[in-house]
Amino acid sequence: MASLDRVKVLVLGDSGVGKSSLVHLLCQNQVLGNPSWTVGCSVDVRVQDYKEGTPEEKTFYIELWDVGGSVGSASSVKSTRAVFYNSVNGIILVHDLTNKKSSQNLYRWSLEALNKDSSPTGVIVSNGDYDREQFAENPVPLLLIGTKFDQIPENKRSEVLTRTAFLSEDFNAEEINLDCTNPRYLAAGTSNAVKLSRFFDKVIEKRYFTRDPSQVSLLSLCFCPVRVVTVLVKG
């Protein structure tokens, strides 16, 4: 693995939204049979063929950092997670489509990870108070993924998808809605697979092929060795 370049992508969202199941599906192309609560951070790796099928094609590793989703009320919660937010190249924001609060909390998660949140341990914004300008020039690519799509009643899907469309617009990010227990949602050639590949290519592009001098100091720090301890607690 050391022979390939890599990028770091955070996977953020509330506890129970299915982040670990999603990461396992993305990296192993298999359903996670017995999901556990993640305390701290768990890291898995996905292989990505950048600009696949073109003369510029090159293989990279995508490090997916699944950050524990406990909200908590103490300032120590933020300081504990802060170490995982260093030198980030991309962020996947994960929410449960059947849980509106988990969608609203994505504003807090994103601002916390991008060091724009002075009070990260609670929901700091609502749709009415959210300032889209905070992400207008955000250099870190974002992707919005809604889980448990299969659990939305047919008569509620239009309402839910309208709500997620507003989220996508707020974050200036593409959205993917899926069921983490069904690999067909990310099957090759599907619109979801195309969006996912496009997101990872964008992350790689920003990390390795952007010549913005203002980003050089940040990007040069991206792969300093970091020791990550993963603790899984059955819940």
Protein backbone atom coordinates (compact mmCIF):
# COMPACT_ATOMS: atom_id res chain seq x y z
CA MET A 1 0.00 0.00 0.00
CA ALA A 2 2.89 2.38 0.68
CA SER A 3 3.67 2.61 -3.05
CA LEU A 4 0.42 4.45 -3.86
CA ASP A 5 -0.50 8.05 -3.10
CA ARG A 6 -3.49 8.52 -0.83
CA VAL A 7 -6.04 11.05 0.34
CA LYS A 8 -7.84 11.43 3.64
CA VAL A 9 -11.65 11.61 3.68
CA LEU A 10 -13.64 12.10 6.89
CA VAL A 11 -16.94 10.27 7.33
CA LEU A 12 -19.07 12.33 9.73
CA GLY A 13 -22.56 12.12 11.19
CA ASP A 14 -24.55 11.20 14.28
CA SER A 15 -24.27 7.85 16.01
CA GLY A 16 -26.53 5.23 14.51
CA VAL A 17 -26.85 6.70 11.02
CA GLY A 18 -24.83 3.85 9.50
CA LYS A 19 -21.37 5.32 8.95
CA SER A 20 -19.52 2.09 9.74
CA SER A 21 -21.82 0.09 7.48
CA LEU A 22 -21.31 2.62 4.72
CA VAL A 23 -17.51 2.58 5.02
CA HIS A 24 -17.47 -1.21 4.99
CA LEU A 25 -19.61 -1.24 1.87
CA LEU A 26 -17.42 1.35 0.14
CA CYS A 27 -14.15 -0.38 0.98
CA GLN A 28 -15.04 -4.08 0.98
CA ASN A 29 -18.05 -4.06 -1.36
CA GLN A 30 -19.81 -6.17 1.25
CA VAL A 31 -22.58 -5.65 3.76
CA LEU A 32 -21.37 -5.29 7.37
CA GLY A 33 -23.09 -8.13 9.16
CA ASN A 34 -22.75 -7.01 12.77
CA PRO A 35 -22.29 -3.22 13.06
CA SER A 36 -20.84 -1.85 16.31
CA TRP A 37 -20.64 1.61 17.81
CA THR A 38 -17.41 3.39 16.91
CA VAL A 39 -15.61 5.17 19.75
CA GLY A 40 -12.77 7.37 18.57
CA CYS A 41 -12.08 6.68 14.93
CA SER A 42 -11.85 3.69 12.60
CA VAL A 43 -9.91 3.86 9.32
CA ASP A 44 -10.48 1.73 6.23
CA VAL A 45 -9.06 2.04 2.71
CA ARG A 46 -10.65 2.04 -0.73
CA VAL A 47 -8.85 1.81 -4.07
CA GLN A 48 -9.81 4.54 -6.55
CA ASP A 49 -8.82 4.72 -10.21
CA TYR A 50 -8.56 8.45 -10.81
CA LYS A 51 -9.92 9.48 -14.24
CA GLU A 52 -10.60 5.86 -15.06
CA GLY A 53 -10.53 5.03 -18.76
CA THR A 54 -8.51 8.10 -19.77
CA PRO A 55 -4.79 8.56 -20.50
CA GLU A 56 -4.49 10.30 -17.10
CA GLU A 57 -5.75 7.24 -15.18
CA LYS A 58 -3.86 6.59 -11.96
CA THR A 59 -4.61 4.48 -8.90
CA PHE A 60 -4.90 6.10 -5.46
CA TYR A 61 -5.86 4.96 -1.99
CA ILE A 62 -8.80 6.66 -0.29
CA GLU A 63 -8.45 6.60 3.51
CA LEU A 64 -11.96 6.75 4.98
CA TRP A 65 -11.86 7.99 8.58
CA ASP A 66 -15.08 6.92 10.32
CA VAL A 67 -15.31 9.33 13.27
CA GLY A 68 -17.44 8.31 16.27
CA GLY A 69 -20.70 10.22 16.25
CA SER A 70 -21.36 10.91 19.94
CA VAL A 71 -22.58 14.49 20.29
CA GLY A 72 -21.89 15.02 24.00
CA SER A 73 -22.01 18.28 25.91
CA ALA A 74 -18.48 18.67 27.27
CA SER A 75 -15.71 20.61 25.54
CA SER A 76 -13.54 17.50 25.80
CA VAL A 77 -15.68 15.92 23.07
CA LYS A 78 -14.45 18.47 20.57
CA SER A 79 -10.82 18.23 21.65
CA THR A 80 -10.97 14.44 21.41
CA ARG A 81 -12.23 14.54 17.84
CA ALA A 82 -10.03 17.45 16.78
CA VAL A 83 -7.01 15.21 16.18
CA PHE A 84 -8.91 13.41 13.42
CA TYR A 85 -9.70 16.67 11.62
CA ASN A 86 -6.10 17.49 10.70
CA SER A 87 -5.09 17.64 7.04
CA VAL A 88 -8.45 16.63 5.59
CA ASN A 89 -8.85 16.29 1.82
CA GLY A 90 -12.59 15.52 1.66
CA ILE A 91 -15.66 15.02 3.86
CA ILE A 92 -18.60 12.62 3.51
CA LEU A 93 -21.58 13.82 5.56
CA VAL A 94 -23.87 10.92 6.52
CA HIS A 95 -27.44 11.21 7.79
CA ASP A 96 -30.34 8.86 8.42
CA LEU A 97 -33.16 9.67 5.99
CA THR A 98 -35.71 8.55 8.59
CA ASN A 99 -34.25 10.84 11.27
CA LYS A 100 -34.63 14.55 10.51
CA LYS A 101 -32.48 15.56 13.47
CA SER A 102 -29.50 13.66 12.06
CA SER A 103 -29.87 15.72 8.88
CA GLN A 104 -29.98 19.01 10.79
CA ASN A 105 -26.90 18.01 12.78
CA LEU A 106 -24.83 17.80 9.59
CA TYR A 107 -24.49 21.58 9.70
CA ARG A 108 -22.76 21.29 13.05
CA TRP A 109 -20.57 18.38 11.96
CA SER A 110 -19.35 20.18 8.88
CA LEU A 111 -18.60 23.42 10.68
CA GLU A 112 -16.80 21.58 13.46
CA ALA A 113 -14.57 19.67 11.05
CA LEU A 114 -13.76 22.81 9.09
CA ASN A 115 -12.88 24.70 12.30
CA LYS A 116 -15.67 27.21 11.83
CA ASP A 117 -17.76 26.15 14.81
CA SER A 118 -17.15 27.88 18.12
CA SER A 119 -19.72 25.70 19.90
CA PRO A 120 -19.62 22.27 18.27
CA THR A 121 -21.32 20.16 20.92
CA GLY A 122 -24.87 21.18 20.08
CA VAL A 123 -26.94 21.95 17.01
CA ILE A 124 -25.71 25.46 16.24
CA VAL A 125 -27.80 26.27 13.22
CA SER A 126 -31.18 25.52 11.73
CA ASN A 127 -32.21 25.83 8.12
CA GLY A 128 -33.55 29.31 8.78
CA ASP A 129 -30.31 30.56 10.38
CA TYR A 130 -27.85 28.78 8.11
CA ASP A 131 -25.51 31.00 6.12
CA ARG A 132 -24.64 29.32 2.82
CA GLU A 133 -21.73 31.71 2.37
CA GLN A 134 -19.83 29.68 4.96
CA PHE A 135 -19.35 27.01 2.29
CA ALA A 136 -19.37 29.14 -0.85
CA GLU A 137 -15.59 29.01 -1.16
CA ASN A 138 -14.88 25.92 0.92
CA PRO A 139 -11.76 24.22 -0.54
CA VAL A 140 -12.64 20.80 0.92
CA PRO A 141 -14.94 18.72 -1.33
CA LEU A 142 -18.13 17.51 0.38
CA LEU A 143 -20.49 14.62 -0.40
CA LEU A 144 -23.89 14.10 1.22
CA ILE A 145 -25.06 10.52 1.79
CA GLY A 146 -28.48 9.58 3.16
CA THR A 147 -28.87 6.07 4.56
CA LYS A 148 -31.86 3.77 5.26
CA PHE A 149 -33.58 4.81 2.05
CA ASP A 150 -35.41 1.49 2.05
CA GLN A 151 -37.09 2.39 5.35
CA ILE A 152 -38.88 5.46 4.00
CA PRO A 153 -42.56 4.76 3.25
CA GLU A 154 -43.44 5.25 -0.40
CA ASN A 155 -45.85 8.07 0.42
CA LYS A 156 -43.11 9.98 2.30
CA ARG A 157 -40.25 9.68 -0.17
CA SER A 158 -41.06 12.81 -2.16
CA GLU A 159 -41.11 14.91 1.02
CA VAL A 160 -37.83 13.44 2.30
CA LEU A 161 -36.02 13.81 -1.02
CA THR A 162 -37.11 17.44 -1.27
CA ARG A 163 -35.60 18.07 2.16
CA THR A 164 -32.31 16.38 1.23
CA ALA A 165 -32.15 18.42 -1.97
CA PHE A 166 -32.07 21.58 0.16
CA LEU A 167 -29.25 20.07 2.23
CA SER A 168 -27.29 19.33 -0.91
CA GLU A 169 -27.75 22.91 -2.07
CA ASP A 170 -26.66 24.31 1.29
CA PHE A 171 -23.44 22.29 1.28
CA ASN A 172 -22.81 22.77 -2.43
CA ALA A 173 -22.46 18.99 -2.62
CA GLU A 174 -23.89 16.11 -4.61
CA GLU A 175 -26.17 13.72 -2.76
CA ILE A 176 -26.47 9.94 -2.70
CA ASN A 177 -29.35 8.11 -1.02
CA LEU A 178 -29.00 4.39 -0.38
CA ASP A 179 -29.53 1.32 1.73
CA CYS A 180 -26.21 0.16 3.23
CA THR A 181 -27.49 -3.43 3.35
CA ASN A 182 -27.91 -3.56 -0.42
CA PRO A 183 -24.74 -3.27 -2.57
CA ARG A 184 -26.86 -2.72 -5.68
CA TYR A 185 -27.27 0.94 -4.71
CA LEU A 186 -23.57 1.43 -5.56
CA ALA A 187 -23.32 -1.05 -8.43
CA ALA A 188 -21.00 -0.05 -11.29
CA GLY A 189 -22.73 2.18 -13.82
CA THR A 190 -25.46 3.44 -11.49
CA SER A 191 -25.88 7.16 -10.90
CA ASN A 192 -24.78 6.69 -7.28
CA ALA A 193 -21.54 4.98 -8.36
CA VAL A 194 -20.86 7.78 -10.85
CA LYS A 195 -21.40 10.46 -8.20
CA LEU A 196 -19.16 8.62 -5.75
CA SER A 197 -16.35 8.24 -8.28
CA ARG A 198 -16.70 11.87 -9.29
CA PHE A 199 -16.39 12.95 -5.65
CA PHE A 200 -13.25 10.89 -5.03
CA ASP A 201 -11.71 12.16 -8.26
CA LYS A 202 -12.41 15.72 -7.10
CA VAL A 203 -10.73 15.03 -3.76
CA ILE A 204 -7.66 13.63 -5.54
CA GLU A 205 -7.65 16.54 -7.99
CA LYS A 206 -7.65 19.06 -5.14
CA ARG A 207 -4.91 17.21 -3.26
CA TYR A 208 -2.46 16.42 -6.03
CA PHE A 209 -3.25 18.53 -9.08
CA THR A 210 -4.30 21.91 -7.71
CA ARG A 211 -1.64 24.58 -8.00
CA ASP A 212 -3.18 27.13 -5.66
CA PRO A 213 -0.22 28.59 -3.67
CA SER A 214 -2.49 29.41 -0.73
CA GLN A 215 -3.11 25.69 -0.23
CA VAL A 216 0.50 24.51 -0.43
CA SER A 217 1.23 24.82 3.28
CA LEU A 218 -1.93 22.91 4.19
CA LEU A 219 -1.53 20.19 1.58
CA SER A 220 2.10 19.58 2.48
CA LEU A 221 0.95 18.37 5.90
CA CYS A 222 -1.57 15.85 4.61
CA PHE A 223 0.38 12.69 5.18
CA CYS A 224 2.32 13.20 8.36
CA PRO A 225 2.24 9.88 10.23
CA VAL A 226 -0.74 9.64 12.58
CA ARG A 227 -1.40 6.82 15.00
CA VAL A 228 -5.09 6.03 15.19
CA VAL A 229 -6.59 3.87 17.91
CA THR A 230 -9.91 2.24 17.13
CA VAL A 231 -12.23 1.04 19.87
CA LEU A 232 -15.38 -0.83 18.94
CA VAL A 233 -18.07 -1.25 21.56
CA LYS A 234 -20.96 -3.61 20.99
CA GLY A 235 -24.22 -1.77 21.32
